[in-house]
Amino acid sequence: MLQKLLRWNPTPDHKPLNSGCIGQGVKEKGPLISFAIELAVYAVIVFIYFFLVLHYLGDWIAHLYRDERKLYAIVALLLIVGQGIVLEMLTSALLRIIRRGKY
């Protein structure tokens, strides 16, 4: 029964959807390469950011966590939002530089 299901082809008379599209693979690689570059750049920046915050703000954040939880929550949220904004700006700027040199 399972072998019949695996061999069953509901549309045997039709060509595959991507047959006849010349250069389709080339067009699809551009966004994929851009995404891979962005992911790598973003990973490096997040790694550096994490250790900078840990090194310079680690003791202060630990103090806030122990003694002033409400202020700690506010600072943590501000760091998260700030990280998102700054890292997005850096990543976008670096990708613009990379793309400008490539094209």
Protein backbone atom coordinates (compact mmCIF):
# COMPACT_ATOMS: atom_id res chain seq x y z
CA MET A 1 0.00 0.00 0.00
CA LEU A 2 2.78 2.44 0.94
CA GLN A 3 4.67 1.69 -2.28
CA LYS A 4 1.59 2.56 -4.34
CA LEU A 5 1.30 5.91 -2.55
CA LEU A 6 4.96 6.71 -3.07
CA ARG A 7 4.77 5.94 -6.81
CA TRP A 8 1.46 7.78 -7.33
CA ASN A 9 1.77 10.91 -9.48
CA PRO A 10 -1.42 12.99 -9.69
CA THR A 11 -0.28 14.95 -12.74
CA PRO A 12 1.81 12.69 -14.98
CA ASP A 13 1.09 14.69 -18.15
CA HIS A 14 2.37 18.01 -16.83
CA LYS A 15 5.93 19.26 -16.79
CA PRO A 16 7.49 20.36 -13.50
CA LEU A 17 6.62 23.92 -12.59
CA ASN A 18 10.15 25.24 -13.02
CA SER A 19 10.93 23.57 -16.36
CA GLY A 20 11.49 25.98 -19.18
CA CYS A 21 12.39 28.91 -16.92
CA ILE A 22 15.88 29.80 -18.08
CA GLY A 23 18.00 31.48 -15.42
CA GLN A 24 15.53 30.97 -12.60
CA GLY A 25 18.20 29.55 -10.29
CA VAL A 26 20.41 32.60 -10.85
CA LYS A 27 17.64 35.03 -9.92
CA GLU A 28 16.89 33.13 -6.71
CA LYS A 29 20.52 33.14 -5.52
CA GLY A 30 20.78 36.93 -5.15
CA PRO A 31 18.43 37.27 -2.16
CA LEU A 32 19.81 34.09 -0.63
CA ILE A 33 23.39 35.33 -0.80
CA SER A 34 22.33 38.71 0.56
CA PHE A 35 20.53 37.01 3.44
CA ALA A 36 23.56 34.84 4.22
CA ILE A 37 25.87 37.87 4.26
CA GLU A 38 23.43 39.80 6.45
CA LEU A 39 23.13 36.87 8.84
CA ALA A 40 26.90 36.49 9.15
CA VAL A 41 27.46 40.22 9.67
CA TYR A 42 24.64 40.40 12.20
CA ALA A 43 26.00 37.38 14.11
CA VAL A 44 29.45 38.95 14.42
CA ILE A 45 28.00 42.30 15.55
CA VAL A 46 25.73 40.64 18.15
CA PHE A 47 28.67 38.61 19.45
CA ILE A 48 30.80 41.75 19.88
CA TYR A 49 27.87 43.69 21.39
CA PHE A 50 27.16 40.93 23.93
CA PHE A 51 30.72 40.87 25.22
CA LEU A 52 31.01 44.66 25.31
CA VAL A 53 27.82 44.96 27.37
CA LEU A 54 28.89 42.08 29.59
CA HIS A 55 32.31 43.62 30.13
CA TYR A 56 31.31 47.24 30.68
CA LEU A 57 27.80 46.97 32.15
CA GLY A 58 27.79 43.49 33.70
CA ASP A 59 28.46 44.53 37.31
CA TRP A 60 26.02 47.43 37.18
CA ILE A 61 23.27 45.27 35.68
CA ALA A 62 23.90 42.57 38.32
CA HIS A 63 23.62 45.25 41.03
CA LEU A 64 20.34 46.48 39.57
CA TYR A 65 19.02 42.92 39.41
CA ARG A 66 19.83 42.31 43.08
CA ASP A 67 18.76 45.64 44.55
CA GLU A 68 16.40 47.52 42.20
CA ARG A 69 14.27 45.17 40.14
CA LYS A 70 12.00 47.82 38.61
CA LEU A 71 14.92 49.88 37.37
CA TYR A 72 16.55 46.67 36.14
CA ALA A 73 13.46 45.86 34.07
CA ILE A 74 13.43 49.32 32.51
CA VAL A 75 17.17 49.20 31.75
CA ALA A 76 16.87 45.71 30.27
CA LEU A 77 14.04 46.81 27.96
CA LEU A 78 15.97 49.90 26.89
CA LEU A 79 19.03 47.77 26.14
CA ILE A 80 16.95 45.36 24.08
CA VAL A 81 15.30 48.12 22.05
CA GLY A 82 18.57 50.02 21.69
CA GLN A 83 20.35 46.87 20.57
CA GLY A 84 17.72 46.23 17.91
CA ILE A 85 17.87 49.77 16.55
CA VAL A 86 21.65 50.13 16.56
CA LEU A 87 22.34 46.68 15.16
CA GLU A 88 19.80 47.15 12.38
CA MET A 89 21.41 50.47 11.43
CA LEU A 90 24.90 48.94 11.46
CA THR A 91 23.85 45.90 9.47
CA SER A 92 22.05 48.03 6.88
CA ALA A 93 25.03 50.34 6.51
CA LEU A 94 27.47 47.46 6.14
CA LEU A 95 25.28 45.75 3.56
CA ARG A 96 25.04 48.96 1.56
CA ILE A 97 28.83 49.17 1.57
CA ILE A 98 29.17 45.52 0.57
CA ARG A 99 26.60 45.83 -2.24
CA ARG A 100 28.10 49.08 -3.52
CA GLY A 101 31.51 47.44 -3.87
CA LYS A 102 30.02 44.38 -5.52
CA TYR A 103 27.94 45.99 -8.27
